[in-house]
C-alpha atoms as a PDB file:
ATOM      1  CA  MET A   1     -16.800  -4.117  -0.389  1.00  0.00           C
ATOM      2  CA  ILE A   2     -15.586  -0.138  -0.538  1.00  0.00           C
ATOM      3  CA  GLN A   3     -17.352   2.077  -3.024  1.00  0.00           C
ATOM      4  CA  LEU A   4     -15.583   5.777  -3.606  1.00  0.00           C
ATOM      5  CA  GLU A   5     -17.917   7.455  -5.498  1.00  0.00           C
ATOM      6  CA  HIS A   6     -17.170  11.467  -6.685  1.00  0.00           C
ATOM      7  CA  LEU A   7     -15.603  11.381  -3.231  1.00  0.00           C
ATOM      8  CA  THR A   8     -15.118  15.142  -2.829  1.00  0.00           C
ATOM      9  CA  LYS A   9     -13.954  17.885   0.463  1.00  0.00           C
ATOM     10  CA  GLU A  10     -12.782  21.301   0.367  1.00  0.00           C
ATOM     11  CA  TYR A  11     -12.080  23.698   2.975  1.00  0.00           C
ATOM     12  CA  ASN A  12     -12.355  26.845   2.370  1.00  0.00           C
ATOM     13  CA  GLY A  13     -12.593  26.558  -1.239  1.00  0.00           C
ATOM     14  CA  VAL A  14      -9.708  24.613  -1.514  1.00  0.00           C
ATOM     15  CA  ARG A  15      -9.923  20.351  -2.907  1.00  0.00           C
ATOM     16  CA  ALA A  16      -8.296  18.508  -0.479  1.00  0.00           C
ATOM     17  CA  VAL A  17     -10.099  15.918  -2.244  1.00  0.00           C
ATOM     18  CA  ASN A  18     -10.903  15.644  -5.232  1.00  0.00           C
ATOM     19  CA  ASP A  19     -14.001  13.655  -7.299  1.00  0.00           C
ATOM     20  CA  LEU A  20     -12.177  10.107  -6.009  1.00  0.00           C
ATOM     21  CA  THR A  21     -13.573   7.297  -7.835  1.00  0.00           C
ATOM     22  CA  ALA A  22     -12.798   4.183  -7.444  1.00  0.00           C
ATOM     23  CA  ASP A  23     -13.688   0.331  -6.164  1.00  0.00           C
ATOM     24  CA  ILE A  24     -12.147  -1.881  -3.371  1.00  0.00           C
ATOM     25  CA  PRO A  25     -13.330  -5.272  -3.370  1.00  0.00           C
ATOM     26  CA  ASP A  26     -13.347  -7.577  -0.505  1.00  0.00           C
ATOM     27  CA  GLY A  27     -10.427  -9.368  -0.024  1.00  0.00           C
ATOM     28  CA  GLU A  28      -8.280  -6.970  -1.743  1.00  0.00           C
ATOM     29  CA  ILE A  29      -5.608  -5.367   0.148  1.00  0.00           C
ATOM     30  CA  PHE A  30      -5.507  -1.714  -0.876  1.00  0.00           C
ATOM     31  CA  GLY A  31      -2.587   0.201  -0.669  1.00  0.00           C
ATOM     32  CA  LEU A  32      -3.309   4.017  -0.325  1.00  0.00           C
ATOM     33  CA  LEU A  33      -0.652   6.156  -1.429  1.00  0.00           C
ATOM     34  CA  GLY A  34       0.729  10.028  -1.394  1.00  0.00           C
ATOM     35  CA  PRO A  35       3.306  12.496  -0.342  1.00  0.00           C
ATOM     36  CA  ASN A  36       1.353  14.827   2.362  1.00  0.00           C
ATOM     37  CA  GLY A  37      -1.135  16.716   1.278  1.00  0.00           C
ATOM     38  CA  ALA A  38      -1.884  14.660  -1.185  1.00  0.00           C
ATOM     39  CA  GLY A  39      -5.257  13.668   0.610  1.00  0.00           C
ATOM     40  CA  LYS A  40      -4.936  10.343   1.955  1.00  0.00           C
ATOM     41  CA  SER A  41      -5.924  11.658   5.401  1.00  0.00           C
ATOM     42  CA  THR A  42      -8.619  13.275   4.546  1.00  0.00           C
ATOM     43  CA  THR A  43      -9.801   9.898   2.903  1.00  0.00           C
ATOM     44  CA  ILE A  44      -9.753   7.855   5.212  1.00  0.00           C
ATOM     45  CA  LEU A  45     -12.347  10.183   7.743  1.00  0.00           C
ATOM     46  CA  MET A  46     -14.311  10.612   5.575  1.00  0.00           C
ATOM     47  CA  LEU A  47     -14.649   6.735   5.161  1.00  0.00           C
ATOM     48  CA  VAL A  48     -14.537   6.060   8.356  1.00  0.00           C
ATOM     49  CA  GLY A  49     -17.197   9.065   8.499  1.00  0.00           C
ATOM     50  CA  LEU A  50     -15.427  11.300  11.306  1.00  0.00           C
ATOM     51  CA  ILE A  51     -15.823  13.928   8.610  1.00  0.00           C
ATOM     52  CA  GLU A  52     -18.847  14.236   5.792  1.00  0.00           C
ATOM     53  CA  PRO A  53     -17.735  14.988   1.868  1.00  0.00           C
ATOM     54  CA  THR A  54     -18.554  18.249   0.554  1.00  0.00           C
ATOM     55  CA  ALA A  55     -19.372  15.937  -2.761  1.00  0.00           C
ATOM     56  CA  GLY A  56     -20.071  12.760  -3.482  1.00  0.00           C
ATOM     57  CA  ASN A  57     -19.814   9.806  -1.693  1.00  0.00           C
ATOM     58  CA  CYS A  58     -18.846   6.118   0.438  1.00  0.00           C
ATOM     59  CA  ARG A  59     -19.984   2.825   0.512  1.00  0.00           C
ATOM     60  CA  VAL A  60     -19.061   0.207   2.857  1.00  0.00           C
ATOM     61  CA  ASN A  61     -20.819  -2.831   1.846  1.00  0.00           C
ATOM     62  CA  GLY A  62     -23.627  -0.857   0.440  1.00  0.00           C
ATOM     63  CA  LEU A  63     -24.313   1.002   3.623  1.00  0.00           C
ATOM     64  CA  ASP A  64     -23.621   4.402   3.270  1.00  0.00           C
ATOM     65  CA  VAL A  65     -21.047   6.256   5.325  1.00  0.00           C
ATOM     66  CA  ALA A  66     -22.252   9.629   6.155  1.00  0.00           C
ATOM     67  CA  ARG A  67     -26.461   8.571   6.312  1.00  0.00           C
ATOM     68  CA  ASP A  68     -25.312   5.776   8.311  1.00  0.00           C
ATOM     69  CA  PRO A  69     -23.078   6.301   9.866  1.00  0.00           C
ATOM     70  CA  VAL A  70     -23.673   4.050  13.518  1.00  0.00           C
ATOM     71  CA  ASN A  71     -24.423   0.510  11.462  1.00  0.00           C
ATOM     72  CA  VAL A  72     -21.596   1.547   8.945  1.00  0.00           C
ATOM     73  CA  LYS A  73     -19.244   1.918  12.095  1.00  0.00           C
ATOM     74  CA  GLN A  74     -19.601  -1.563  12.968  1.00  0.00           C
ATOM     75  CA  GLN A  75     -18.090  -2.754   9.545  1.00  0.00           C
ATOM     76  CA  ILE A  76     -15.212  -1.270  10.146  1.00  0.00           C
ATOM     77  CA  GLY A  77     -11.828  -1.655  11.998  1.00  0.00           C
ATOM     78  CA  TYR A  78      -9.873   1.597  11.607  1.00  0.00           C
ATOM     79  CA  MET A  79      -6.593   2.066  13.648  1.00  0.00           C
ATOM     80  CA  PRO A  80      -5.163   5.605  13.086  1.00  0.00           C
ATOM     81  CA  GLU A  81      -1.646   6.805  13.022  1.00  0.00           C
ATOM     82  CA  ASP A  82      -1.318   7.839  16.831  1.00  0.00           C
ATOM     83  CA  VAL A  83      -3.295   5.286  18.534  1.00  0.00           C
ATOM     84  CA  GLY A  84      -4.286   6.487  21.953  1.00  0.00           C
ATOM     85  CA  PHE A  85      -5.316   3.779  24.735  1.00  0.00           C
ATOM     86  CA  TYR A  86      -6.284   4.217  27.994  1.00  0.00           C
ATOM     87  CA  ALA A  87      -2.408   5.155  29.733  1.00  0.00           C
ATOM     88  CA  THR A  88      -3.839   3.862  33.038  1.00  0.00           C
ATOM     89  CA  MET A  89      -5.293   0.577  31.548  1.00  0.00           C
ATOM     90  CA  SER A  90      -3.670  -3.030  30.677  1.00  0.00           C
ATOM     91  CA  ALA A  91      -4.254  -3.745  26.689  1.00  0.00           C
ATOM     92  CA  GLU A  92      -7.028  -6.762  27.977  1.00  0.00           C
ATOM     93  CA  GLU A  93      -8.642  -3.669  30.062  1.00  0.00           C
ATOM     94  CA  ASN A  94      -8.332  -1.099  26.832  1.00  0.00           C
ATOM     95  CA  LEU A  95      -9.632  -4.253  24.446  1.00  0.00           C
ATOM     96  CA  ARG A  96     -12.494  -4.736  27.023  1.00  0.00           C
ATOM     97  CA  TYR A  97     -13.697  -0.884  27.078  1.00  0.00           C
ATOM     98  CA  PHE A  98     -13.532  -0.391  23.182  1.00  0.00           C
ATOM     99  CA  GLY A  99     -15.559  -4.847  22.771  1.00  0.00           C
ATOM    100  CA  ARG A 100     -18.558  -2.912  25.095  1.00  0.00           C
ATOM    101  CA  LEU A 101     -18.506   0.567  22.848  1.00  0.00           C
ATOM    102  CA  TYR A 102     -19.499  -2.247  19.682  1.00  0.00           C
ATOM    103  CA  GLY A 103     -22.015  -3.714  21.777  1.00  0.00           C
ATOM    104  CA  MET A 104     -19.826  -7.183  22.068  1.00  0.00           C
ATOM    105  CA  ASP A 105     -21.126  -9.230  25.403  1.00  0.00           C
ATOM    106  CA  PHE A 106     -18.584  -9.879  27.997  1.00  0.00           C
ATOM    107  CA  PRO A 107     -18.146 -13.653  27.082  1.00  0.00           C
ATOM    108  CA  ALA A 108     -17.200 -12.912  23.942  1.00  0.00           C
ATOM    109  CA  ILE A 109     -14.725  -9.326  24.565  1.00  0.00           C
ATOM    110  CA  ALA A 110     -12.722 -11.864  27.100  1.00  0.00           C
ATOM    111  CA  LYS A 111     -12.277 -14.513  24.308  1.00  0.00           C
ATOM    112  CA  ARG A 112     -11.830 -12.319  21.240  1.00  0.00           C
ATOM    113  CA  SER A 113      -9.255  -9.790  23.404  1.00  0.00           C
ATOM    114  CA  SER A 114      -7.314 -13.166  24.419  1.00  0.00           C
ATOM    115  CA  GLU A 115      -7.005 -14.286  20.893  1.00  0.00           C
ATOM    116  CA  LEU A 116      -6.120 -10.796  19.568  1.00  0.00           C
ATOM    117  CA  LEU A 117      -3.474  -9.767  22.233  1.00  0.00           C
ATOM    118  CA  SER A 118      -1.715 -14.032  20.770  1.00  0.00           C
ATOM    119  CA  LEU A 119      -2.118 -13.103  17.560  1.00  0.00           C
ATOM    120  CA  VAL A 120       0.030  -9.340  18.199  1.00  0.00           C
ATOM    121  CA  GLY A 121       2.422 -10.610  20.518  1.00  0.00           C
ATOM    122  CA  LEU A 122       0.827  -9.318  23.257  1.00  0.00           C
ATOM    123  CA  ASP A 123      -0.776 -12.132  25.661  1.00  0.00           C
ATOM    124  CA  GLY A 124       1.022 -12.291  28.786  1.00  0.00           C
ATOM    125  CA  VAL A 125       1.696  -8.474  28.687  1.00  0.00           C
ATOM    126  CA  THR A 126       0.800  -6.964  32.410  1.00  0.00           C
ATOM    127  CA  LYS A 127       1.208  -3.702  32.809  1.00  0.00           C
ATOM    128  CA  ASP A 128      -0.065  -0.663  31.866  1.00  0.00           C
ATOM    129  CA  VAL A 129      -0.676   0.672  28.501  1.00  0.00           C
ATOM    130  CA  GLY A 130       1.597   3.585  29.587  1.00  0.00           C
ATOM    131  CA  GLY A 131       4.481   2.008  30.155  1.00  0.00           C
ATOM    132  CA  TYR A 132       4.429   0.101  26.681  1.00  0.00           C
ATOM    133  CA  SER A 133       6.984   1.284  23.740  1.00  0.00           C
ATOM    134  CA  LYS A 134       5.664   2.846  20.876  1.00  0.00           C
ATOM    135  CA  GLY A 135       5.974  -0.380  19.140  1.00  0.00           C
ATOM    136  CA  MET A 136       3.790  -2.181  21.682  1.00  0.00           C
ATOM    137  CA  ARG A 137       1.044   0.559  21.206  1.00  0.00           C
ATOM    138  CA  GLN A 138       0.982  -0.052  17.928  1.00  0.00           C
ATOM    139  CA  ARG A 139       0.611  -3.855  18.287  1.00  0.00           C
ATOM    140  CA  LEU A 140      -1.889  -3.125  20.356  1.00  0.00           C
ATOM    141  CA  GLY A 141      -4.159  -0.430  17.676  1.00  0.00           C
ATOM    142  CA  LEU A 142      -3.554  -3.510  15.095  1.00  0.00           C
ATOM    143  CA  ALA A 143      -5.887  -5.835  17.637  1.00  0.00           C
ATOM    144  CA  LYS A 144      -8.324  -2.610  18.531  1.00  0.00           C
ATOM    145  CA  ALA A 145      -8.987  -2.497  14.475  1.00  0.00           C
ATOM    146  CA  LEU A 146      -9.915  -6.824  14.417  1.00  0.00           C
ATOM    147  CA  LEU A 147     -11.357  -6.193  17.269  1.00  0.00           C
ATOM    148  CA  ASN A 148     -15.102  -6.311  16.353  1.00  0.00           C
ATOM    149  CA  ASP A 149     -14.406  -8.766  13.695  1.00  0.00           C
ATOM    150  CA  PRO A 150     -14.963  -6.059  10.818  1.00  0.00           C
ATOM    151  CA  ALA A 151     -16.178  -6.522   7.271  1.00  0.00           C
ATOM    152  CA  VAL A 152     -13.344  -3.375   6.505  1.00  0.00           C
ATOM    153  CA  ILE A 153      -9.882  -3.061   7.873  1.00  0.00           C
ATOM    154  CA  ILE A 154      -8.098   0.529   7.718  1.00  0.00           C
ATOM    155  CA  LEU A 155      -4.904   0.997   8.884  1.00  0.00           C
ATOM    156  CA  ASP A 156      -2.920   4.356   8.477  1.00  0.00           C
ATOM    157  CA  GLU A 157       0.527   3.818   8.627  1.00  0.00           C
ATOM    158  CA  PRO A 158       0.250   0.678  10.542  1.00  0.00           C
ATOM    159  CA  THR A 159       4.350  -0.723  10.545  1.00  0.00           C
ATOM    160  CA  ALA A 160       5.423   2.143  12.095  1.00  0.00           C
ATOM    161  CA  ASN A 161       7.470   2.441  14.881  1.00  0.00           C
ATOM    162  CA  LEU A 162       7.185  -1.631  14.593  1.00  0.00           C
ATOM    163  CA  ASP A 163      10.654  -3.839  14.805  1.00  0.00           C
ATOM    164  CA  PRO A 164      11.127  -5.815  11.902  1.00  0.00           C
ATOM    165  CA  GLN A 165       9.612  -9.541  13.860  1.00  0.00           C
ATOM    166  CA  GLY A 166       6.210  -6.273  14.319  1.00  0.00           C
ATOM    167  CA  VAL A 167       6.512  -6.422  10.264  1.00  0.00           C
ATOM    168  CA  ALA A 168       6.317  -9.503   9.846  1.00  0.00           C
ATOM    169  CA  ASP A 169       3.887 -10.407  12.165  1.00  0.00           C
ATOM    170  CA  TYR A 170       1.497  -7.743  10.484  1.00  0.00           C
ATOM    171  CA  ARG A 171       1.832  -8.791   6.933  1.00  0.00           C
ATOM    172  CA  ARG A 172       1.244 -11.848   7.808  1.00  0.00           C
ATOM    173  CA  ILE A 173      -2.004 -11.248  10.324  1.00  0.00           C
ATOM    174  CA  ILE A 174      -2.821  -8.994   7.179  1.00  0.00           C
ATOM    175  CA  ARG A 175      -2.740 -11.354   4.192  1.00  0.00           C
ATOM    176  CA  ASP A 176      -4.719 -13.553   6.857  1.00  0.00           C
ATOM    177  CA  VAL A 177      -7.154 -11.241   7.197  1.00  0.00           C
ATOM    178  CA  ALA A 178      -8.158 -10.564   3.562  1.00  0.00           C
ATOM    179  CA  ARG A 179      -7.689 -14.383   2.980  1.00  0.00           C
ATOM    180  CA  GLU A 180     -10.527 -14.332   5.125  1.00  0.00           C
ATOM    181  CA  GLY A 181     -12.382 -12.146   2.223  1.00  0.00           C
ATOM    182  CA  LYS A 182     -12.084  -8.973   4.331  1.00  0.00           C
ATOM    183  CA  THR A 183     -11.139  -5.366   2.417  1.00  0.00           C
ATOM    184  CA  VAL A 184      -7.844  -3.684   3.854  1.00  0.00           C
ATOM    185  CA  VAL A 185      -7.541  -0.143   3.472  1.00  0.00           C
ATOM    186  CA  VAL A 186      -3.293   0.559   3.902  1.00  0.00           C
ATOM    187  CA  SER A 187      -1.870   4.351   3.809  1.00  0.00           C
ATOM    188  CA  SER A 188       1.112   4.688   4.141  1.00  0.00           C
ATOM    189  CA  HIS A 189       3.923   6.076   2.592  1.00  0.00           C
ATOM    190  CA  ILE A 190       6.368   4.101   3.005  1.00  0.00           C
ATOM    191  CA  LEU A 191       6.743   2.360  -0.349  1.00  0.00           C
ATOM    192  CA  GLU A 192       8.636  -0.709  -0.606  1.00  0.00           C
ATOM    193  CA  GLU A 193       6.173  -2.217   2.616  1.00  0.00           C
ATOM    194  CA  VAL A 194       3.699  -1.432   0.811  1.00  0.00           C
ATOM    195  CA  SER A 195       4.055  -3.185  -1.962  1.00  0.00           C
ATOM    196  CA  LYS A 196       4.877  -6.136  -0.390  1.00  0.00           C
ATOM    197  CA  VAL A 197       1.383  -6.341   1.385  1.00  0.00           C
ATOM    198  CA  SER A 198      -0.651  -4.669  -0.845  1.00  0.00           C
ATOM    199  CA  THR A 199      -2.769  -6.870  -3.926  1.00  0.00           C
ATOM    200  CA  SER A 200      -3.415  -3.256  -6.057  1.00  0.00           C
ATOM    201  CA  VAL A 201      -1.904   0.220  -5.091  1.00  0.00           C
ATOM    202  CA  GLY A 202      -4.045   3.943  -6.097  1.00  0.00           C
ATOM    203  CA  ILE A 203      -2.114   7.259  -5.860  1.00  0.00           C
ATOM    204  CA  LEU A 204      -3.401  10.736  -5.251  1.00  0.00           C
ATOM    205  CA  SER A 205      -1.455  13.293  -6.090  1.00  0.00           C
ATOM    206  CA  ALA A 206      -3.276  16.864  -5.365  1.00  0.00           C
ATOM    207  CA  GLY A 207      -6.577  14.742  -3.886  1.00  0.00           C
ATOM    208  CA  LYS A 208      -7.084  13.432  -7.159  1.00  0.00           C
ATOM    209  CA  LEU A 209      -5.906   9.345  -7.820  1.00  0.00           C
ATOM    210  CA  VAL A 210      -4.068   9.273 -10.983  1.00  0.00           C
ATOM    211  CA  ALA A 211      -3.278   5.440 -10.826  1.00  0.00           C
ATOM    212  CA  GLN A 212      -4.880   2.256  -9.565  1.00  0.00           C
ATOM    213  CA  GLY A 213      -4.071  -0.861 -10.231  1.00  0.00           C
ATOM    214  CA  SER A 214      -1.060  -4.143  -9.374  1.00  0.00           C
ATOM    215  CA  TRP A 215       2.496  -2.474  -8.886  1.00  0.00           C
ATOM    216  CA  LYS A 216       3.049  -4.689 -12.336  1.00  0.00           C
ATOM    217  CA  ASP A 217       0.772  -3.285 -14.531  1.00  0.00           C
ATOM    218  CA  LEU A 218       1.066   0.888 -13.144  1.00  0.00           C
ATOM    219  CA  ALA A 219       5.408   0.083 -14.517  1.00  0.00           C
ATOM    220  CA  ARG A 220       3.960  -1.490 -17.984  1.00  0.00           C
ATOM    221  CA  GLU A 221       1.558   0.827 -18.132  1.00  0.00           C
ATOM    222  CA  ILE A 222       4.518   3.879 -17.262  1.00  0.00           C
ATOM    223  CA  SER A 223       7.298   1.865 -19.098  1.00  0.00           C
ATOM    224  CA  LEU A 224       5.118   1.883 -22.332  1.00  0.00           C
ATOM    225  CA  THR A 225       3.841   6.018 -22.152  1.00  0.00           C
ATOM    226  CA  SER A 226       7.212   7.284 -20.607  1.00  0.00           C
ATOM    227  CA  THR A 227      10.418   8.675 -22.996  1.00  0.00           C
ATOM    228  CA  SER A 228      12.253   8.173 -19.987  1.00  0.00           C
ATOM    229  CA  HIS A 229      16.052   5.887 -20.929  1.00  0.00           C
ATOM    230  CA  VAL A 230      15.695   2.231 -21.310  1.00  0.00           C
ATOM    231  CA  THR A 231      18.880   0.562 -19.305  1.00  0.00           C
ATOM    232  CA  ILE A 232      18.577  -3.001 -21.607  1.00  0.00           C
ATOM    233  CA  ILE A 233      21.704  -5.988 -19.153  1.00  0.00           C
ATOM    234  CA  ILE A 234      22.760  -8.406 -21.808  1.00  0.00           C
ATOM    235  CA  GLU A 235      24.692 -10.960 -20.831  1.00  0.00           C
ATOM    236  CA  THR A 236      27.089 -13.264 -23.279  1.00  0.00           C
ATOM    237  CA  LYS A 237      29.173 -17.200 -23.407  1.00  0.00           C
ATOM    238  CA  ASP A 238      31.052 -15.511 -26.131  1.00  0.00           C
ATOM    239  CA  PRO A 239      33.397 -11.867 -26.261  1.00  0.00           C
ATOM    240  CA  MET A 240      30.921  -8.981 -26.695  1.00  0.00           C
ATOM    241  CA  PRO A 241      31.070  -7.699 -30.315  1.00  0.00           C
ATOM    242  CA  GLU A 242      31.595  -4.068 -31.077  1.00  0.00           C
ATOM    243  CA  PHE A 243      27.331  -2.403 -31.175  1.00  0.00           C
ATOM    244  CA  ARG A 244      26.292   0.966 -32.364  1.00  0.00           C
ATOM    245  CA  HIS A 245      22.674   1.886 -32.865  1.00  0.00           C
ATOM    246  CA  PRO A 246      21.429   5.956 -33.110  1.00  0.00           C
ATOM    247  CA  ASP A 247      19.457   5.157 -29.668  1.00  0.00           C
ATOM    248  CA  ILE A 248      22.356   4.221 -27.846  1.00  0.00           C
ATOM    249  CA  ILE A 249      23.254   6.609 -25.415  1.00  0.00           C
ATOM    250  CA  SER A 250      26.010   4.829 -23.390  1.00  0.00           C
ATOM    251  CA  ILE A 251      27.987   1.440 -23.411  1.00  0.00           C
ATOM    252  CA  ASP A 252      29.491   0.276 -20.936  1.00  0.00           C
ATOM    253  CA  TYR A 253      31.037  -2.948 -21.548  1.00  0.00           C
ATOM    254  CA  GLU A 254      31.758  -5.405 -18.915  1.00  0.00           C
ATOM    255  CA  ARG A 255      35.679  -5.857 -18.417  1.00  0.00           C
ATOM    256  CA  ASP A 256      35.904  -9.364 -19.290  1.00  0.00           C
ATOM    257  CA  ARG A 257      33.391  -7.940 -22.724  1.00  0.00           C
ATOM    258  CA  CYS A 258      30.946 -11.214 -22.384  1.00  0.00           C
ATOM    259  CA  GLY A 259      28.456  -8.594 -21.684  1.00  0.00           C
ATOM    260  CA  ALA A 260      27.677  -5.461 -21.444  1.00  0.00           C
ATOM    261  CA  VAL A 261      25.372  -2.464 -20.004  1.00  0.00           C
ATOM    262  CA  VAL A 262      22.742  -0.645 -22.694  1.00  0.00           C
ATOM    263  CA  LEU A 263      21.299   2.680 -21.665  1.00  0.00           C
ATOM    264  CA  ALA A 264      19.030   3.688 -24.700  1.00  0.00           C
ATOM    265  CA  ARG A 265      16.079   5.809 -26.005  1.00  0.00           C
ATOM    266  CA  SER A 266      13.927   3.023 -26.824  1.00  0.00           C
ATOM    267  CA  ASP A 267      13.788  -1.178 -25.926  1.00  0.00           C
ATOM    268  CA  ILE A 268      16.116  -1.980 -28.909  1.00  0.00           C
ATOM    269  CA  ARG A 269      16.640  -5.842 -27.426  1.00  0.00           C
ATOM    270  CA  ASP A 270      15.055  -7.245 -31.222  1.00  0.00           C
ATOM    271  CA  GLU A 271      18.964  -5.080 -32.801  1.00  0.00           C
ATOM    272  CA  ILE A 272      20.813  -6.502 -30.181  1.00  0.00           C
ATOM    273  CA  ALA A 273      19.773 -10.112 -30.609  1.00  0.00           C
ATOM    274  CA  PHE A 274      19.862  -9.569 -34.215  1.00  0.00           C
ATOM    275  CA  HIS A 275      23.367  -8.754 -34.134  1.00  0.00           C
ATOM    276  CA  LEU A 276      24.751 -11.109 -32.067  1.00  0.00           C
ATOM    277  CA  ALA A 277      23.056 -13.816 -33.802  1.00  0.00           C
ATOM    278  CA  GLU A 278      25.109 -12.266 -36.874  1.00  0.00           C
ATOM    279  CA  ASN A 279      28.176 -12.715 -35.542  1.00  0.00           C
ATOM    280  CA  ASN A 280      26.998 -16.126 -33.787  1.00  0.00           C
ATOM    281  CA  ILE A 281      27.675 -15.159 -30.182  1.00  0.00           C
ATOM    282  CA  CYS A 282      25.749 -17.290 -26.999  1.00  0.00           C
ATOM    283  CA  LEU A 283      23.493 -14.846 -25.538  1.00  0.00           C
ATOM    284  CA  ARG A 284      22.439 -16.042 -22.216  1.00  0.00           C
ATOM    285  CA  GLY A 285      20.320 -13.661 -21.091  1.00  0.00           C
ATOM    286  CA  LEU A 286      19.068 -10.314 -22.778  1.00  0.00           C
ATOM    287  CA  SER A 287      16.412  -8.239 -20.695  1.00  0.00           C
ATOM    288  CA  ARG A 288      15.432  -5.167 -20.109  1.00  0.00           C
ATOM    289  CA  GLU A 289      15.595  -3.124 -15.823  1.00  0.00           C
ATOM    290  CA  GLY A 290      12.272  -2.483 -14.945  1.00  0.00           C
ATOM    291  CA  LEU A 291      11.472   0.683 -12.913  1.00  0.00           C
ATOM    292  CA  SER A 292      11.941   0.802  -9.288  1.00  0.00           C
ATOM    293  CA  LEU A 293       8.488   1.384  -6.900  1.00  0.00           C
ATOM    294  CA  GLU A 294      10.183   4.918  -6.516  1.00  0.00           C
ATOM    295  CA  GLU A 295      10.486   6.125 -10.350  1.00  0.00           C
ATOM    296  CA  THR A 296       6.961   4.052 -10.432  1.00  0.00           C
ATOM    297  CA  PHE A 297       6.150   6.528  -8.655  1.00  0.00           C
ATOM    298  CA  LEU A 298       7.306   9.093  -8.875  1.00  0.00           C
ATOM    299  CA  SER A 299       6.115   8.734 -12.561  1.00  0.00           C
ATOM    300  CA  TYR A 300       2.556   9.615 -11.706  1.00  0.00           C
ATOM    301  CA  TYR A 301       3.194  12.682 -10.181  1.00  0.00           C
ATOM    302  CA  HIS A 302       5.128  13.892 -13.169  1.00  0.00           C
ATOM    303  CA  ILE A 303       2.323  12.599 -15.426  1.00  0.00           C
ATOM    304  CA  ALA A 304      -0.700  14.002 -12.947  1.00  0.00           C
ATOM    305  CA  GLY A 305       1.061  16.990 -13.373  1.00  0.00           C
END
């Protein structure tokens, strides 16, 4: 479990992270989202103990990261955006080296390395890492993050440079890890990817956590508070009659008039259904288009601003 309590980091009087508080429970895949300069990298660096907070604290399974960094690092697996390896060593040799840094014995390192290289699709690759493609290095980075069987895995842009098969493998591995009760934090700007793997998300804007929850919950909240327009899709069995309402901005009837697309200032589906019933029109479908990931994401920045 990860606990962030009023976490703050200042650089020359400027707050890169501002009073961030969040709890991420065991088994959660938490997507950390935000544009450049939002504070994602600074938050991660504090979480893994590479920089100290100006105020507040972060805990991993009850251990304060700043006060007990050695023990915390034993429980964390971290894959930075730019993964560093020894270019003149093979994947297995690199993992063995890092395993010794974790204090693992040689039989455990050998067994774990073999399992992980097979898991990420690098088993049987004997050439030095210096000859790897960016995607192969990314796969090895995921193996390294899982090497010490950590309770918490922190991944920064994990799908960068991966081909479609690599992305599918990554998703499967992360879901399996979460099912084991481990906590996973994924920092990324790729909204679609985060939505497909994360069970919850946190949106950072100017160092502040402006929203936290599932995509579904965040989109619902935006739909209830937003003054933006509503798109309603109407499908009918019979020809669609003319429909007027003061909140309608535009209405586009389908070519055969068995339906329409309505742009309105409010959700007027009840009024539409009543109008169709009055005209003895058989209704096949009446739905409101949900917010896209991008609309949800950007709406929170607008609210925060």
